[in-house]
Structure formats: C-alpha cells, structure tokens
C-alpha cells in the first residue's frame, strides 16, 4: 500500500477474462443496483493519515498473512 494515492492517467486495458466476467455479471442481472439512486447517507470521511503511513509494509504483511509472515 502506498502512503499516497495518485490517479493514473494511463488508459487501462482489460483482459479478455475480466471483460467476460463483467459481461456475465451484468447479463445475469446482478448489476441492477447500479441503477439505484444514491443513498442519502453521509459520505465516507477518509482518515487524515493514509493507511500506508499508519501501517508500514511489515505491518501490512502481518495483517494480511499473519504474525509469522
């Protein structure tokens, strides 16, 4: 995890299997919620300190794979 997020302006190419999986998902009607109106809940407030600063690489590894990792 990086301490900061930078939007990448490079166009992303989808793999054939990703295109197939998304198409199958939508064709099965599982994406109907995408047409729902947004909820009126408060927007998510991001922490002031990014996760990459809060958890260094070793801590992230331990969180993901356990204390012995």
Foldseek 3Di string as FASTA:
>chain_A
DDFDDDDDPDDDDDDPVVVVVVVVCVVVVVCVCVPPDDDPDDDDDDDPGGPCVVAPPLRVCCVVPNPVD
